[in-house]
Amino acid sequence: MTISDAGTRRPRGANALDRCMLIIDRLVEWLGRLTAWLTLGLVLLVAGDVMLRYIWHTGSVASRNCSGICSQWSR
């Protein structure tokens, strides 16, 4: 037994707590990745809408409404 192992007894419900922490950690990581991809999609949608309006002087009401609605959801 090494010095660092001395006195490191695990409480009775430690395995269940470890499993719960692992599940929560994986869920948070998955939600973070999902949020990152959705944010990228929103940025591309708004950038496309801006390019349509200001560079080519065209655009559609649908794309403007879609980017506006998505922007409201992100707040």
C-alpha atoms as a PDB file:
ATOM      1  CA  MET A   1       0.000   0.000   0.000  1.00  0.00           C
ATOM      2  CA  THR A   2       1.413   3.385  -0.936  1.00  0.00           C
ATOM      3  CA  ILE A   3       1.138   6.585   1.033  1.00  0.00           C
ATOM      4  CA  SER A   4      -1.413   8.049  -1.362  1.00  0.00           C
ATOM      5  CA  ASP A   5      -3.691   5.006  -0.945  1.00  0.00           C
ATOM      6  CA  ALA A   6      -3.798   5.280   2.829  1.00  0.00           C
ATOM      7  CA  GLY A   7      -7.134   6.427   4.127  1.00  0.00           C
ATOM      8  CA  THR A   8      -8.915   6.499   0.756  1.00  0.00           C
ATOM      9  CA  ARG A   9     -11.860   4.312   1.598  1.00  0.00           C
ATOM     10  CA  ARG A  10     -14.811   4.757  -0.664  1.00  0.00           C
ATOM     11  CA  PRO A  11     -18.247   5.222   0.845  1.00  0.00           C
ATOM     12  CA  ARG A  12     -20.945   2.647   0.236  1.00  0.00           C
ATOM     13  CA  GLY A  13     -22.832   4.405  -2.620  1.00  0.00           C
ATOM     14  CA  ALA A  14     -19.739   5.594  -4.488  1.00  0.00           C
ATOM     15  CA  ASN A  15     -20.256   3.390  -7.548  1.00  0.00           C
ATOM     16  CA  ALA A  16     -23.797   4.652  -8.062  1.00  0.00           C
ATOM     17  CA  LEU A  17     -22.604   8.208  -7.614  1.00  0.00           C
ATOM     18  CA  ASP A  18     -19.785   7.656 -10.112  1.00  0.00           C
ATOM     19  CA  ARG A  19     -22.265   6.271 -12.652  1.00  0.00           C
ATOM     20  CA  CYS A  20     -24.600   9.214 -12.110  1.00  0.00           C
ATOM     21  CA  MET A  21     -21.737  11.680 -12.547  1.00  0.00           C
ATOM     22  CA  LEU A  22     -20.626   9.901 -15.731  1.00  0.00           C
ATOM     23  CA  ILE A  23     -24.140  10.066 -17.193  1.00  0.00           C
ATOM     24  CA  ILE A  24     -24.468  13.747 -16.350  1.00  0.00           C
ATOM     25  CA  ASP A  25     -21.021  14.462 -17.781  1.00  0.00           C
ATOM     26  CA  ARG A  26     -21.852  12.715 -21.060  1.00  0.00           C
ATOM     27  CA  LEU A  27     -25.208  14.508 -21.288  1.00  0.00           C
ATOM     28  CA  VAL A  28     -23.610  17.906 -20.738  1.00  0.00           C
ATOM     29  CA  GLU A  29     -20.913  17.153 -23.316  1.00  0.00           C
ATOM     30  CA  TRP A  30     -23.532  16.049 -25.867  1.00  0.00           C
ATOM     31  CA  LEU A  31     -25.662  19.151 -25.239  1.00  0.00           C
ATOM     32  CA  GLY A  32     -22.587  21.348 -25.613  1.00  0.00           C
ATOM     33  CA  ARG A  33     -21.753  19.811 -28.981  1.00  0.00           C
ATOM     34  CA  LEU A  34     -25.364  20.145 -30.134  1.00  0.00           C
ATOM     35  CA  THR A  35     -25.430  23.792 -29.097  1.00  0.00           C
ATOM     36  CA  ALA A  36     -22.177  24.449 -30.946  1.00  0.00           C
ATOM     37  CA  TRP A  37     -23.512  22.943 -34.193  1.00  0.00           C
ATOM     38  CA  LEU A  38     -26.832  24.781 -33.903  1.00  0.00           C
ATOM     39  CA  THR A  39     -24.981  28.045 -33.306  1.00  0.00           C
ATOM     40  CA  LEU A  40     -22.878  27.448 -36.419  1.00  0.00           C
ATOM     41  CA  GLY A  41     -26.054  26.834 -38.420  1.00  0.00           C
ATOM     42  CA  LEU A  42     -27.574  30.062 -37.120  1.00  0.00           C
ATOM     43  CA  VAL A  43     -24.452  32.040 -38.019  1.00  0.00           C
ATOM     44  CA  LEU A  44     -24.444  30.615 -41.549  1.00  0.00           C
ATOM     45  CA  LEU A  45     -28.161  31.337 -41.964  1.00  0.00           C
ATOM     46  CA  VAL A  46     -27.823  34.954 -40.860  1.00  0.00           C
ATOM     47  CA  ALA A  47     -24.653  35.456 -42.949  1.00  0.00           C
ATOM     48  CA  GLY A  48     -26.444  34.109 -46.020  1.00  0.00           C
ATOM     49  CA  ASP A  49     -29.389  36.404 -45.384  1.00  0.00           C
ATOM     50  CA  VAL A  50     -27.078  39.421 -45.035  1.00  0.00           C
ATOM     51  CA  MET A  51     -25.241  38.540 -48.245  1.00  0.00           C
ATOM     52  CA  LEU A  52     -28.521  38.216 -50.128  1.00  0.00           C
ATOM     53  CA  ARG A  53     -29.763  41.582 -48.908  1.00  0.00           C
ATOM     54  CA  TYR A  54     -26.675  43.757 -49.074  1.00  0.00           C
ATOM     55  CA  ILE A  55     -24.472  42.250 -51.784  1.00  0.00           C
ATOM     56  CA  TRP A  56     -27.002  41.059 -54.352  1.00  0.00           C
ATOM     57  CA  HIS A  57     -29.846  43.417 -53.300  1.00  0.00           C
ATOM     58  CA  THR A  58     -32.283  40.562 -53.106  1.00  0.00           C
ATOM     59  CA  GLY A  59     -33.635  38.286 -50.446  1.00  0.00           C
ATOM     60  CA  SER A  60     -36.780  36.605 -49.399  1.00  0.00           C
ATOM     61  CA  VAL A  61     -39.198  37.276 -46.626  1.00  0.00           C
ATOM     62  CA  ALA A  62     -38.964  33.620 -45.617  1.00  0.00           C
ATOM     63  CA  SER A  63     -35.192  33.748 -45.040  1.00  0.00           C
ATOM     64  CA  ARG A  64     -35.527  37.006 -43.075  1.00  0.00           C
ATOM     65  CA  ASN A  65     -38.284  35.538 -40.901  1.00  0.00           C
ATOM     66  CA  CYS A  66     -36.386  32.289 -40.377  1.00  0.00           C
ATOM     67  CA  SER A  67     -33.211  34.056 -39.228  1.00  0.00           C
ATOM     68  CA  GLY A  68     -35.251  36.353 -36.987  1.00  0.00           C
ATOM     69  CA  ILE A  69     -37.096  33.469 -35.360  1.00  0.00           C
ATOM     70  CA  CYS A  70     -33.879  31.497 -34.828  1.00  0.00           C
ATOM     71  CA  SER A  71     -32.241  34.566 -33.304  1.00  0.00           C
ATOM     72  CA  GLN A  72     -35.105  34.897 -30.831  1.00  0.00           C
ATOM     73  CA  TRP A  73     -34.752  31.249 -29.787  1.00  0.00           C
ATOM     74  CA  SER A  74     -31.064  31.692 -29.072  1.00  0.00           C
ATOM     75  CA  ARG A  75     -31.681  34.318 -26.369  1.00  0.00           C
END
